[in-house]
Protein backbone atom coordinates (compact mmCIF):
# COMPACT_ATOMS: atom_id res chain seq x y z
CA MET A 1 149.16 91.98 228.02
CA ILE A 2 148.57 88.79 225.85
CA GLU A 3 150.97 86.28 224.42
CA LEU A 4 150.26 83.41 222.28
CA ARG A 5 152.99 80.65 222.44
CA GLU A 6 152.77 77.66 219.81
CA LEU A 7 149.04 77.90 219.60
CA GLU A 8 147.33 75.15 217.71
CA VAL A 9 143.77 74.27 217.09
CA MET A 10 142.52 71.04 215.66
CA TYR A 11 138.95 70.43 214.35
CA GLY A 12 139.12 66.62 214.43
CA LYS A 13 142.14 65.60 212.64
CA ARG A 14 142.47 68.90 210.70
CA ARG A 15 145.01 71.46 212.03
CA VAL A 16 143.62 74.93 211.48
CA LEU A 17 146.17 76.75 213.41
CA HIS A 18 149.91 75.90 213.34
CA GLY A 19 152.23 77.06 216.08
CA ILE A 20 151.02 80.70 216.43
CA ASN A 21 153.36 82.98 218.23
CA LEU A 22 152.28 86.57 218.92
CA THR A 23 152.53 89.14 221.55
CA LEU A 24 150.14 92.13 222.17
CA LYS A 25 151.23 94.88 224.54
CA ARG A 26 148.80 96.94 226.66
CA GLY A 27 147.29 99.88 224.44
CA GLU A 28 148.67 98.34 221.25
CA SER A 29 146.64 97.40 218.19
CA LEU A 30 147.27 94.41 216.16
CA SER A 31 145.52 93.27 213.03
CA ILE A 32 145.33 89.65 211.61
CA VAL A 33 144.66 89.91 207.82
CA GLY A 34 144.08 87.02 205.42
CA GLU A 35 141.47 85.43 203.17
CA SER A 36 138.36 83.81 204.51
CA GLY A 37 138.86 80.52 206.03
CA GLY A 38 142.43 80.97 206.89
CA GLY A 39 142.02 80.78 210.66
CA LYS A 40 141.38 84.29 211.78
CA THR A 41 138.06 83.67 213.60
CA THR A 42 139.36 80.58 215.14
CA LEU A 43 142.24 82.46 216.63
CA GLY A 44 139.86 85.08 218.19
CA LEU A 45 137.53 82.38 219.37
CA SER A 46 140.57 80.55 221.11
CA ILE A 47 141.52 83.40 223.16
CA ILE A 48 138.06 83.76 224.80
CA GLY A 49 137.47 80.04 225.14
CA LEU A 50 134.67 79.58 222.66
CA VAL A 51 136.41 77.57 219.93
CA GLU A 52 134.87 74.28 219.26
CA GLY A 53 138.19 72.56 218.51
CA THR A 54 141.06 71.19 220.56
CA VAL A 55 143.46 73.85 221.65
CA ARG A 56 147.09 73.19 222.36
CA GLY A 57 149.78 75.62 223.41
CA GLU A 58 149.61 78.60 225.67
CA ILE A 59 147.51 81.68 225.69
CA LEU A 60 148.93 84.04 228.33
CA PHE A 61 146.81 86.79 229.57
CA GLU A 62 148.57 88.84 232.13
CA GLY A 63 150.82 85.76 232.75
CA LYS A 64 147.73 83.38 233.32
CA ASN A 65 147.42 80.64 230.82
CA LEU A 66 143.77 80.71 229.54
CA VAL A 67 144.03 77.35 227.81
CA ALA A 68 144.41 75.58 231.47
CA LEU A 69 141.63 77.54 232.97
CA ALA A 70 138.45 75.89 234.01
CA GLU A 71 135.20 77.20 232.24
CA LYS A 72 134.14 79.06 235.40
CA GLU A 73 137.33 80.95 235.56
CA LEU A 74 137.18 81.63 231.96
CA LYS A 75 133.72 83.11 232.36
CA ALA A 76 135.13 85.61 235.01
CA ILE A 77 137.49 86.89 232.25
CA ARG A 78 135.32 86.75 229.13
CA TRP A 79 133.23 89.78 228.52
CA ASN A 80 134.72 91.13 231.60
CA ARG A 81 138.51 91.58 230.87
CA ILE A 82 138.39 90.37 227.29
CA ALA A 83 135.46 91.01 224.90
CA MET A 84 134.66 90.25 221.31
CA VAL A 85 132.83 91.92 218.57
CA PHE A 86 131.56 89.08 216.42
CA GLN A 87 131.49 88.93 212.85
CA ASN A 88 127.94 87.89 211.88
CA VAL A 89 125.73 90.71 213.39
CA GLU A 90 122.72 88.99 212.60
CA ASN A 91 123.66 85.96 214.75
CA ALA A 92 125.39 87.92 217.44
CA LEU A 93 122.22 89.84 218.49
CA ASN A 94 119.19 88.14 220.09
CA PRO A 95 116.18 88.89 218.05
CA LEU A 96 113.90 88.60 221.27
CA TYR A 97 115.55 91.56 223.37
CA THR A 98 115.79 95.22 222.66
CA VAL A 99 119.44 96.67 222.12
CA LEU A 100 119.36 98.45 225.40
CA ASP A 101 118.67 95.16 227.19
CA GLN A 102 121.16 93.19 225.26
CA VAL A 103 123.92 95.87 226.14
CA SER A 104 123.00 95.81 229.90
CA GLU A 105 123.16 91.96 230.05
CA PRO A 106 126.95 91.70 230.29
CA ILE A 107 126.90 94.01 233.16
CA VAL A 108 124.00 92.27 235.02
CA VAL A 109 125.76 88.77 234.29
CA HIS A 110 129.01 89.95 235.86
CA LYS A 111 127.42 91.51 238.72
CA LEU A 112 128.81 94.90 238.17
CA GLY A 113 125.58 96.62 238.80
CA ASP A 114 121.79 95.86 239.38
CA ARG A 115 119.31 96.10 236.43
CA ASN A 116 118.75 99.90 236.99
CA GLU A 117 122.49 100.70 237.03
CA ALA A 118 123.11 98.47 233.96
CA THR A 119 120.33 100.10 232.02
CA ARG A 120 121.75 103.43 232.81
CA ARG A 121 125.27 102.41 231.82
CA ALA A 122 124.06 100.74 228.51
CA GLY A 123 122.23 103.97 227.71
CA GLU A 124 125.49 105.81 228.06
CA LEU A 125 127.35 103.51 225.96
CA LEU A 126 124.78 103.54 223.22
CA ASN A 127 125.07 107.33 223.23
CA ARG A 128 128.94 106.86 223.20
CA VAL A 129 128.59 104.77 219.85
CA ASN A 130 126.28 107.44 218.39
CA LEU A 131 123.11 105.27 218.31
CA PRO A 132 120.00 107.67 218.47
CA GLU A 133 118.13 107.51 221.64
CA GLY A 134 114.92 106.60 219.66
CA ARG A 135 116.61 103.27 218.67
CA PHE A 136 117.55 102.08 222.23
CA TYR A 137 114.24 100.03 222.38
CA ALA A 138 114.33 98.81 218.88
CA TYR A 139 114.81 95.13 218.11
CA PRO A 140 117.77 93.93 215.98
CA HIS A 141 115.72 93.35 212.86
CA GLN A 142 114.71 97.18 213.02
CA LEU A 143 118.21 98.39 212.88
CA SER A 144 120.51 99.02 209.85
CA GLY A 145 123.84 97.12 209.56
CA GLY A 146 125.79 100.07 210.91
CA GLU A 147 123.41 100.44 213.66
CA LYS A 148 123.76 96.61 214.70
CA GLN A 149 127.51 97.07 214.56
CA ARG A 150 127.42 100.13 216.95
CA VAL A 151 125.25 97.98 219.31
CA LEU A 152 127.85 95.21 219.15
CA ILE A 153 130.75 97.76 220.03
CA ALA A 154 128.75 98.99 222.94
CA MET A 155 128.25 95.36 224.23
CA ALA A 156 131.99 94.90 224.02
CA LEU A 157 132.46 97.92 226.01
CA ALA A 158 129.84 97.23 228.66
CA ASN A 159 132.38 95.97 231.35
CA ASP A 160 135.38 98.25 230.43
CA PRO A 161 137.47 95.51 229.15
CA ASP A 162 141.32 95.64 228.77
CA LEU A 163 141.23 93.74 225.39
CA ILE A 164 138.82 93.91 222.56
CA ILE A 165 138.75 91.19 219.80
CA MET A 166 136.97 92.63 216.75
CA ASP A 167 136.19 90.15 214.08
CA GLU A 168 135.46 91.83 210.73
CA PRO A 169 133.65 94.91 212.28
CA THR A 170 133.48 96.58 208.91
CA THR A 171 132.27 93.64 206.76
CA ALA A 172 129.20 94.37 204.50
CA LEU A 173 129.01 98.14 205.36
CA ASP A 174 128.70 100.72 202.88
CA ALA A 175 131.67 103.13 202.39
CA LEU A 176 130.28 106.03 204.50
CA THR A 177 129.11 103.80 207.46
CA LYS A 178 132.49 101.85 207.35
CA VAL A 179 134.37 105.14 207.88
CA GLU A 180 132.07 106.28 210.62
CA ILE A 181 132.56 102.61 212.42
CA ILE A 182 136.29 102.86 211.79
CA ASN A 183 136.48 106.49 213.28
CA LEU A 184 134.31 105.43 216.15
CA ILE A 185 136.44 102.48 217.05
CA HIS A 186 139.59 104.60 216.84
CA THR A 187 138.19 107.36 219.02
CA VAL A 188 136.68 105.06 221.72
CA CYS A 189 139.74 102.84 221.93
CA LYS A 190 142.12 105.65 222.16
CA GLU A 191 140.03 107.49 224.97
CA ARG A 192 139.99 104.13 227.07
CA GLU A 193 143.57 103.01 226.16
CA LEU A 194 142.17 99.70 225.09
CA THR A 195 144.18 96.99 223.40
CA ILE A 196 142.76 95.91 220.19
CA LEU A 197 142.99 92.57 218.22
CA LEU A 198 141.54 93.20 214.79
CA LEU A 199 140.80 90.10 212.53
CA THR A 200 139.95 91.42 209.10
CA HIS A 201 140.32 91.05 205.30
CA ASP A 202 139.74 94.74 205.04
CA PHE A 203 143.25 96.44 204.45
CA TYR A 204 141.73 99.99 204.97
CA ALA A 205 140.24 98.95 208.54
CA ALA A 206 143.68 97.45 209.22
CA SER A 207 145.69 100.39 207.97
CA THR A 208 143.52 102.72 210.12
CA LEU A 209 143.32 100.94 213.30
CA SER A 210 146.47 98.76 213.71
CA ASP A 211 150.08 99.45 214.58
CA ARG A 212 151.23 96.11 213.59
CA MET A 213 149.98 93.45 211.17
CA ALA A 214 150.25 89.73 210.86
CA VAL A 215 149.29 88.10 207.62
CA LEU A 216 147.67 84.67 208.37
CA TYR A 217 147.52 82.05 205.61
CA ALA A 218 146.11 78.34 206.13
CA GLY A 219 146.67 78.74 209.93
CA ARG A 220 150.20 80.05 209.66
CA ILE A 221 151.62 83.52 209.98
CA VAL A 222 153.57 84.22 206.96
CA GLU A 223 154.65 87.83 207.44
CA PHE A 224 154.60 90.10 210.53
CA GLY A 225 155.54 93.64 210.93
CA SER A 226 154.57 97.38 211.23
CA THR A 227 151.43 97.97 209.27
CA PRO A 228 152.72 100.81 207.07
CA ALA A 229 155.80 98.75 206.11
CA LEU A 230 153.72 95.77 205.16
CA LEU A 231 151.32 97.88 203.16
CA SER A 232 153.92 99.92 201.33
CA ASN A 233 156.34 97.20 200.62
CA PRO A 234 155.02 93.70 201.14
CA ARG A 235 157.88 90.97 201.33
CA HIS A 236 156.00 87.63 201.31
CA PRO A 237 154.35 86.61 197.89
CA TYR A 238 150.90 85.98 199.66
CA THR A 239 150.88 89.52 201.26
CA ARG A 240 151.68 90.91 197.81
CA GLY A 241 148.79 88.88 196.20
CA LEU A 242 146.43 90.03 198.73
CA LEU A 243 147.33 93.74 198.24
CA ARG A 244 146.81 93.20 194.42
CA CYS A 245 143.28 91.88 195.06
CA TYR A 246 142.22 94.91 197.21
CA PRO A 247 140.42 97.77 195.45
CA SER A 248 141.67 101.27 196.29
CA MET A 249 141.34 104.57 195.13
CA THR A 250 145.22 104.83 195.14
CA THR A 251 145.50 101.54 192.96
CA THR A 252 146.47 102.11 189.28
CA LYS A 253 147.28 98.63 188.08
CA ASP A 254 144.01 96.51 187.35
CA LEU A 255 143.23 94.10 190.07
CA GLN A 256 144.94 90.54 190.08
CA GLY A 257 143.90 87.50 192.10
CA ILE A 258 145.99 84.73 193.40
CA LYS A 259 145.90 81.62 191.46
CA GLY A 260 144.37 78.45 193.07
CA ARG A 261 142.59 77.98 196.18
CA MET A 262 143.68 77.83 199.94
CA GLU A 263 144.70 74.30 201.19
CA PHE A 264 145.82 73.15 204.59
CA PHE A 265 149.07 71.09 204.80
CA ASP A 266 150.80 69.54 207.83
CA VAL A 267 153.99 69.32 205.80
CA GLY A 268 155.69 72.07 203.70
CA CYS A 269 154.86 75.57 203.22
CA PRO A 270 151.02 75.97 202.82
CA PHE A 271 151.32 78.52 200.26
CA HIS A 272 153.54 76.56 198.08
CA PRO A 273 150.78 75.32 195.40
CA ARG A 274 149.89 79.10 194.78
CA CYS A 275 153.39 80.46 195.13
CA THR A 276 155.15 81.74 192.01
CA GLN A 277 158.55 81.34 193.44
CA SER A 278 158.38 78.07 195.12
CA ILE A 279 161.24 75.49 195.06
CA GLY A 280 161.57 71.92 196.04
CA ILE A 281 162.12 72.58 199.77
CA CYS A 282 158.80 74.36 199.94
CA ARG A 283 157.07 71.20 199.38
CA GLU A 284 159.06 69.16 202.02
CA LYS A 285 159.33 71.65 205.03
CA ALA A 286 157.40 74.56 206.55
CA PRO A 287 159.60 77.76 206.76
CA ARG A 288 159.98 79.42 210.28
CA LEU A 289 159.00 82.90 210.90
CA GLU A 290 162.29 84.62 211.01
CA LYS A 291 163.29 88.26 211.34
CA ASN A 292 164.43 89.57 207.89
CA ASP A 293 165.13 93.39 207.35
CA GLY A 294 163.06 94.83 210.22
CA ARG A 295 160.09 92.46 209.86
CA PHE A 296 159.25 88.70 210.33
CA ILE A 297 158.72 86.44 207.11
CA ALA A 298 158.17 82.70 206.77
CA CYS A 299 159.64 82.05 203.42
CA HIS A 300 162.59 79.58 202.63
CA ARG A 301 163.65 82.37 199.90
CA GLY A 302 163.65 85.16 202.53
CA GLY A 303 160.58 86.74 200.72
CA ILE A 304 160.00 88.02 197.26
CA ILE A 305 163.38 87.60 195.45
CA PRO A 306 164.91 89.93 192.95
CA LEU A 307 164.44 88.33 189.57
CA LEU A 308 166.50 90.63 187.33
CA GLU A 309 168.94 93.08 188.47
CA LEU A 310 170.82 95.60 186.27
CA ARG A 311 173.87 97.20 187.83
CA ASP A 312 175.56 100.15 186.11
CA LEU A 313 174.60 99.02 182.74
CA SER A 314 175.90 101.06 179.82
CA LYS A 315 175.90 100.63 175.87
CA SER A 316 177.71 103.01 173.64
CA PHE A 317 177.31 103.13 169.67
CA ASP A 318 180.48 104.93 168.65
CA SER A 319 180.25 108.27 170.59
CA LEU A 320 176.50 107.85 171.30
CA LYS A 321 175.69 106.45 174.89
CA ALA A 322 172.29 104.75 174.30
CA VAL A 323 172.23 103.41 177.84
CA ASP A 324 173.99 105.33 180.55
CA SER A 325 174.86 103.33 183.84
CA ILE A 326 171.27 102.22 184.75
CA ASP A 327 170.32 100.37 187.83
CA LEU A 328 167.13 98.58 187.98
CA THR A 329 165.55 95.72 189.90
CA LEU A 330 162.54 93.55 188.64
CA TYR A 331 161.17 91.44 191.46
CA GLU A 332 159.81 87.87 190.94
CA GLY A 333 156.19 87.90 189.74
CA GLU A 334 155.87 91.64 189.29
CA THR A 335 155.50 93.97 186.40
CA LEU A 336 158.05 96.78 185.92
CA ALA A 337 157.03 99.37 183.15
CA LEU A 338 159.99 101.09 181.44
CA VAL A 339 158.39 104.23 179.95
CA GLY A 340 159.85 107.01 177.86
CA GLU A 341 159.96 108.61 174.38
CA SER A 342 161.16 106.89 171.37
CA GLY A 343 164.86 106.85 171.43
CA SER A 344 165.33 107.05 175.08
CA GLY A 345 167.16 103.69 175.28
CA LYS A 346 164.24 101.39 176.19
CA THR A 347 164.57 98.65 173.41
CA THR A 348 168.41 98.88 173.74
CA THR A 349 168.04 98.01 177.29
CA ALA A 350 165.91 94.96 176.49
CA LYS A 351 168.29 93.80 173.87
CA LEU A 352 171.23 94.07 176.38
CA ILE A 353 169.35 91.77 178.56
CA MET A 354 168.55 89.19 175.79
CA GLY A 355 172.25 89.39 174.68
CA ILE A 356 171.32 90.65 171.13
CA PHE A 357 173.70 93.67 172.08
CA GLY A 358 176.69 93.32 174.14
CA ALA A 359 177.10 95.65 177.19
CA THR A 360 179.84 98.33 177.02
CA GLU A 361 179.88 98.25 180.99
CA GLY A 362 177.89 96.87 183.78
CA ARG A 363 176.47 93.50 185.07
CA ILE A 364 173.29 91.62 184.57
CA TYR A 365 171.92 89.24 187.31
CA LEU A 366 169.25 86.68 187.03
CA GLU A 367 167.88 85.21 190.35
CA GLY A 368 171.05 86.35 191.96
CA LYS A 369 173.48 84.90 189.57
CA GLN A 370 175.46 86.93 187.15
CA ILE A 371 174.82 86.40 183.57
CA LEU A 372 178.15 86.12 181.50
CA GLY A 373 176.68 84.41 178.50
CA ARG A 374 173.49 83.29 176.92
CA ASP A 375 173.10 79.48 176.55
CA LYS A 376 170.06 77.40 176.21
CA SER A 377 169.29 77.34 179.71
CA PHE A 378 168.98 81.22 179.86
CA TYR A 379 166.47 81.37 177.01
CA GLN A 380 164.31 78.86 178.67
CA ARG A 381 164.15 81.34 181.67
CA VAL A 382 164.06 84.48 179.68
CA GLN A 383 162.01 85.32 176.54
CA MET A 384 161.03 88.36 174.69
CA ILE A 385 157.86 89.65 172.85
CA PHE A 386 158.98 91.84 169.93
CA GLN A 387 157.30 95.13 168.97
CA ASN A 388 156.41 94.09 165.35
CA PRO A 389 155.30 90.59 165.21
CA MET A 390 155.35 90.70 161.45
CA GLU A 391 159.01 91.33 161.43
CA SER A 392 159.81 88.95 164.41
CA LEU A 393 157.97 85.93 162.90
CA SER A 394 159.57 84.24 159.95
CA HIS A 395 157.46 84.17 156.74
CA ARG A 396 158.64 80.89 155.99
CA LEU A 397 157.29 79.33 158.96
CA SER A 398 153.68 78.29 159.59
CA VAL A 399 152.01 79.23 163.03
CA LEU A 400 152.84 75.57 164.18
CA GLU A 401 156.41 75.80 163.12
CA ALA A 402 157.02 79.27 164.82
CA VAL A 403 155.53 78.46 168.03
CA ARG A 404 157.23 74.82 168.13
CA GLU A 405 160.55 76.15 167.13
CA PRO A 406 161.71 77.10 170.77
CA LEU A 407 160.94 73.54 171.66
CA ASP A 408 162.69 72.17 168.62
CA VAL A 409 165.89 74.20 169.67
CA GLN A 410 165.65 73.07 173.30
CA LYS A 411 165.03 69.39 172.10
CA LEU A 412 162.05 69.14 174.65
CA GLY A 413 159.90 66.21 173.92
CA ASN A 414 159.07 64.16 170.92
CA ARG A 415 157.15 65.42 167.81
CA GLU A 416 153.71 64.56 169.23
CA GLN A 417 154.43 66.01 172.51
CA ARG A 418 155.59 69.38 171.11
CA GLU A 419 152.62 69.60 168.96
CA SER A 420 150.38 68.98 171.86
CA MET A 421 152.20 71.67 173.82
CA VAL A 422 151.77 74.22 170.78
CA ARG A 423 148.02 73.60 170.89
CA GLN A 424 147.90 74.08 174.65
CA ILE A 425 149.67 77.38 174.59
CA LEU A 426 147.47 78.64 171.65
CA ASP A 427 144.48 77.81 173.64
CA GLU A 428 146.01 79.78 176.65
CA VAL A 429 146.60 82.85 174.52
CA GLU A 430 143.01 82.45 173.24
CA LEU A 431 143.89 81.30 169.62
CA PRO A 432 142.43 78.44 167.64
CA SER A 433 144.33 75.16 167.54
CA SER A 434 142.58 73.84 164.67
CA GLU A 435 144.77 72.45 161.69
CA THR A 436 143.62 75.33 159.40
CA PHE A 437 144.94 77.98 161.78
CA LEU A 438 148.13 75.90 162.53
CA ASN A 439 148.95 75.76 158.89
CA LYS A 440 148.63 79.59 158.45
CA TYR A 441 151.51 81.82 157.69
CA PRO A 442 152.01 85.28 159.20
CA HIS A 443 150.82 87.20 156.19
CA GLN A 444 147.50 85.38 156.61
CA LEU A 445 147.11 86.68 160.17
CA SER A 446 145.64 89.78 161.48
CA GLN A 447 148.01 92.05 163.55
CA GLY A 448 146.29 91.00 166.87
CA GLU A 449 146.70 87.28 165.82
CA ALA A 450 150.28 87.72 164.89
CA GLN A 451 150.98 89.42 168.34
CA ARG A 452 149.21 86.56 170.05
CA VAL A 453 151.34 84.02 168.22
CA GLY A 454 154.51 85.90 169.18
CA ILE A 455 153.41 85.71 172.81
CA ALA A 456 152.51 82.07 172.52
CA ARG A 457 156.13 81.56 171.15
CA ALA A 458 157.66 83.45 173.97
CA LEU A 459 155.65 81.57 176.44
CA ILE A 460 155.99 77.99 175.33
CA LEU A 461 159.08 77.34 177.32
CA ASN A 462 157.49 78.65 180.47
CA PRO A 463 159.99 81.38 181.15
CA LYS A 464 160.41 83.09 184.54
CA LEU A 465 161.05 86.50 182.88
CA LEU A 466 159.10 87.88 179.96
CA ILE A 467 160.27 91.14 178.19
CA ALA A 468 157.49 92.86 176.42
CA ASP A 469 158.75 95.53 173.96
CA GLU A 470 155.84 97.70 172.89
CA PRO A 471 153.67 94.69 172.44
CA THR A 472 150.49 96.68 171.77
CA SER A 473 151.77 99.75 169.90
CA ALA A 474 150.55 98.50 166.55
CA LEU A 475 147.31 97.09 167.66
CA ASP A 476 143.75 98.96 167.73
CA ALA A 477 142.20 99.64 171.08
CA SER A 478 140.05 96.76 171.23
CA THR A 479 142.87 94.31 170.41
CA GLN A 480 145.23 96.14 172.76
CA ALA A 481 142.90 95.72 175.75
CA LYS A 482 142.63 91.96 175.01
CA VAL A 483 146.32 91.50 174.70
CA VAL A 484 146.98 93.46 177.98
CA LYS A 485 144.22 91.48 179.99
CA LEU A 486 145.95 88.26 178.56
CA LEU A 487 149.49 89.31 179.55
CA LEU A 488 148.00 90.09 183.08
CA ASN A 489 146.18 86.82 183.43
CA LEU A 490 149.10 84.84 182.25
CA GLN A 491 151.27 86.53 185.01
CA GLU A 492 148.73 85.61 187.44
CA LYS A 493 148.57 82.18 186.39
CA ARG A 494 152.28 81.52 185.61
CA GLY A 495 153.96 83.86 188.03
CA ILE A 496 156.13 85.51 185.51
CA GLY A 497 158.07 88.59 186.06
CA MET A 498 157.66 91.16 183.23
CA LEU A 499 159.43 94.07 182.01
CA PHE A 500 156.98 95.87 179.89
CA ILE A 501 158.54 98.56 177.69
CA THR A 502 156.08 101.27 176.50
CA HIS A 503 155.93 104.87 175.49
CA ASN A 504 152.19 104.95 176.72
CA LEU A 505 151.99 105.98 180.36
CA ALA A 506 148.21 105.44 180.38
CA LEU A 507 148.89 101.82 179.48
CA ALA A 508 151.75 101.38 181.82
CA ARG A 509 149.85 102.62 184.80
CA LYS A 510 147.22 99.85 184.10
CA ILE A 511 149.64 96.94 183.88
CA SER A 512 152.59 97.68 186.20
CA ASP A 513 153.44 97.36 189.79
CA ARG A 514 156.25 99.81 189.45
CA LEU A 515 157.33 102.46 186.90
CA ALA A 516 160.90 103.43 185.65
CA VAL A 517 161.07 106.58 183.60
CA MET A 518 163.90 106.68 180.94
CA LEU A 519 165.36 109.64 179.26
CA LYS A 520 168.32 109.65 176.86
CA GLY A 521 169.71 106.34 178.34
CA ILE A 522 169.04 107.39 181.97
CA ILE A 523 166.65 106.42 184.50
CA VAL A 524 165.14 109.67 185.87
CA GLU A 525 162.55 108.53 188.24
CA GLU A 526 161.38 105.12 189.47
CA GLY A 527 158.77 103.81 192.02
CA PRO A 528 155.56 102.37 192.59
CA SER A 529 153.20 103.09 189.79
CA ASN A 530 150.53 104.79 191.91
CA GLU A 531 153.06 107.02 193.57
CA ILE A 532 154.51 108.19 190.46
CA VAL A 533 151.19 108.71 188.59
CA SER A 534 149.77 110.61 191.60
CA SER A 535 152.92 112.52 192.64
CA PRO A 536 155.40 112.71 189.73
CA LEU A 537 158.77 114.41 190.93
CA HIS A 538 160.85 114.80 187.94
CA PRO A 539 159.69 117.40 185.37
CA TYR A 540 160.12 115.03 182.47
CA THR A 541 157.72 112.54 184.13
CA GLU A 542 155.21 115.43 184.87
CA ASP A 543 155.26 116.41 180.95
CA LEU A 544 154.74 112.62 180.08
CA LEU A 545 151.64 112.43 182.22
CA LYS A 546 150.31 115.59 180.79
CA ALA A 547 150.83 114.21 177.40
CA ALA A 548 149.27 110.92 178.11
CA PRO A 549 145.85 110.33 176.35
CA THR A 550 142.73 111.49 177.91
CA LEU A 551 139.08 111.56 176.62
CA SER A 552 139.14 115.40 176.83
CA SER A 553 139.21 118.38 174.56
CA ARG A 554 142.03 119.84 176.27
CA VAL A 555 145.27 119.82 174.54
CA HIS A 556 148.68 119.85 176.28
CA ALA A 557 151.54 121.57 174.74
CA VAL A 558 154.86 119.83 174.20
CA PRO A 559 157.57 121.40 176.01
CA GLU A 560 159.82 123.30 173.66
CA ARG A 561 163.72 123.41 173.93
CA THR A 562 164.71 126.47 176.10
CA SER A 563 168.37 126.35 175.02
CA GLU A 564 170.76 124.12 173.08
CA ARG A 565 173.38 124.47 175.67
CA ASN A 566 173.26 120.81 176.87
CA ASP A 567 176.54 118.97 175.82
CA GLY A 568 175.73 115.70 177.76
CA THR A 569 177.38 116.69 181.09
CA GLY A 570 174.17 118.08 182.73
CA CYS A 571 170.60 116.84 183.15
CA PRO A 572 169.33 115.22 179.76
CA TYR A 573 166.10 117.21 180.22
CA ALA A 574 167.72 120.58 180.94
CA ASN A 575 166.92 121.89 177.28
CA ARG A 576 163.05 121.32 177.70
CA CYS A 577 162.54 121.77 181.42
CA ASN A 578 160.55 124.75 182.62
CA LYS A 579 162.19 124.59 186.14
CA VAL A 580 165.85 124.66 184.73
CA THR A 581 168.60 126.41 186.58
CA GLU A 582 172.18 127.08 185.67
CA VAL A 583 173.41 124.12 187.73
CA CYS A 584 171.13 121.61 185.59
CA PHE A 585 173.53 122.35 182.71
CA ASN A 586 176.66 121.50 184.39
CA GLU A 587 176.02 118.43 186.72
CA LYS A 588 174.37 115.14 185.97
CA GLN A 589 172.07 113.89 188.91
CA ARG A 590 172.08 110.14 190.03
CA LEU A 591 168.91 108.48 191.29
CA SER A 592 168.24 109.57 194.90
CA SER A 593 165.62 107.88 197.10
CA LEU A 594 163.10 110.20 198.55
CA SER A 595 159.91 109.64 200.68
CA THR A 596 158.03 107.74 198.09
CA HIS A 597 160.36 106.86 195.36
CA LYS A 598 163.62 107.61 193.44
CA VAL A 599 164.27 110.52 191.04
CA ALA A 600 167.24 112.05 189.37
CA CYS A 601 166.73 115.65 189.71
CA MET A 602 168.61 118.07 191.97
CA LEU A 603 165.82 120.41 192.32
CA CYS A 604 163.50 117.75 193.54
CA THR A 605 166.07 116.36 195.96
CA ALA A 606 166.79 119.87 197.26
CA THR A 607 163.08 120.53 197.77
CA ASP A 608 162.66 117.20 199.58
């Protein structure tokens, strides 16, 4: 029905839309999402010919280029074939007219009926959008926000258009009214087989009303594909950042923002100053929107890259297999929580990555390159926060010397520069940088201070990957909350990827994007944190969640061993599982992908 080809809009010398290419078929719904100021409203106004800037490119409506039409020809289409629900309801409605008059006006203007016919049809439309008849003769200032939105929808439907552009139709509405408006839009548009272009920052509205979604940033489309795919598996760093900011009842991780602010650039990728994985070319050349694995992504790196990959990684100590053929992927800028009981192999996995232990089998990749040895450049990119700071910090080194030591080893900067970097990182982890504190030794620090010193030491080289091994296990609840908040803030600011090792599922769900559940050296379940917490599949994960701390008097029993038959050939949880069958003792299950995430359980797989 409508096609945008290389659409550009200039406000003076400022280019607000850059080369937009989109196609919208009849009866389809497409949402354009992004932050305020990114160009969504400008795009909508361009289509109906009301934008104040200079428009270039083509807007083809049923083959006719709207950009080349005279104003008289545009008026014949505007509000007749193409209608728009404007964002600001206060400005969109005329305060001097009743709502019945305002809905009937487009019918009269386009000569689709006389005043009596227009009034009758306006009444039908207001009834259709569920506005009480007693409100037909009200003025805009006498209506609630939800009622005004219903009036605007009725106005857009007045001349039975083919395409409706909806600009933030749910903004500033309370939750119940928002749901009512969304259901109304969905029902009316389905009845009339309308084509919808939804401009919004509301992901709930987009998920409910649109078939496909385009993510707009600083006038450029950075990701485009089916709505479910983009919401469940964002591939562009900006899309992921938007979703991290959006509060939802299914969200388990604390909300995170996107560092910096939006700026418009004519050269380079517009998102590069805020992106956590930008490289040199991102500043020099704008990426093209290209098809990648079923969707379109504008990114020189093909979207969010795998930062760390473990493939068939194993470690044996004599006859004990501490890590057993695990496969894990940690993506750039995300937090993957590795959870499980003590002795399940979590710390061993961390030490294999760091090179403290040598792997018996398997491969480790960092940013796509296999790690065969650990040199200085590796430890510039990968650092570890150890579980017990009192053991990991040398008692012979002061705070200044301990934090500065990685700089000394790497020979970065002179002595003054290194000390300045130490003071800066201490400020960043919210520790004093005074001479008194710098000259303290570990035994003179509190547990929380010592842990922050350990974090500062790990971060001073600005690594891309941070491995945090039970960094809060020895801290009181107040200090733990501060350290976790600090790590999340640092991740947002620096864009680091984090492997967060913990036995505390309640903590893991607050800090992680994804969870991997480890048992006796094996990953038994892996997937998005909200999916695993809300719908655990493996019996071991279910028991871990039941045992997680809650502010309740209810006590959950720890599963007892049902048999001692397990000799290592079957499921590692068979002795304690209350769903165990004979086959569980004889065959070890590998991770299998189900509808939401991965699980290593033959019973779950069979059920699915």
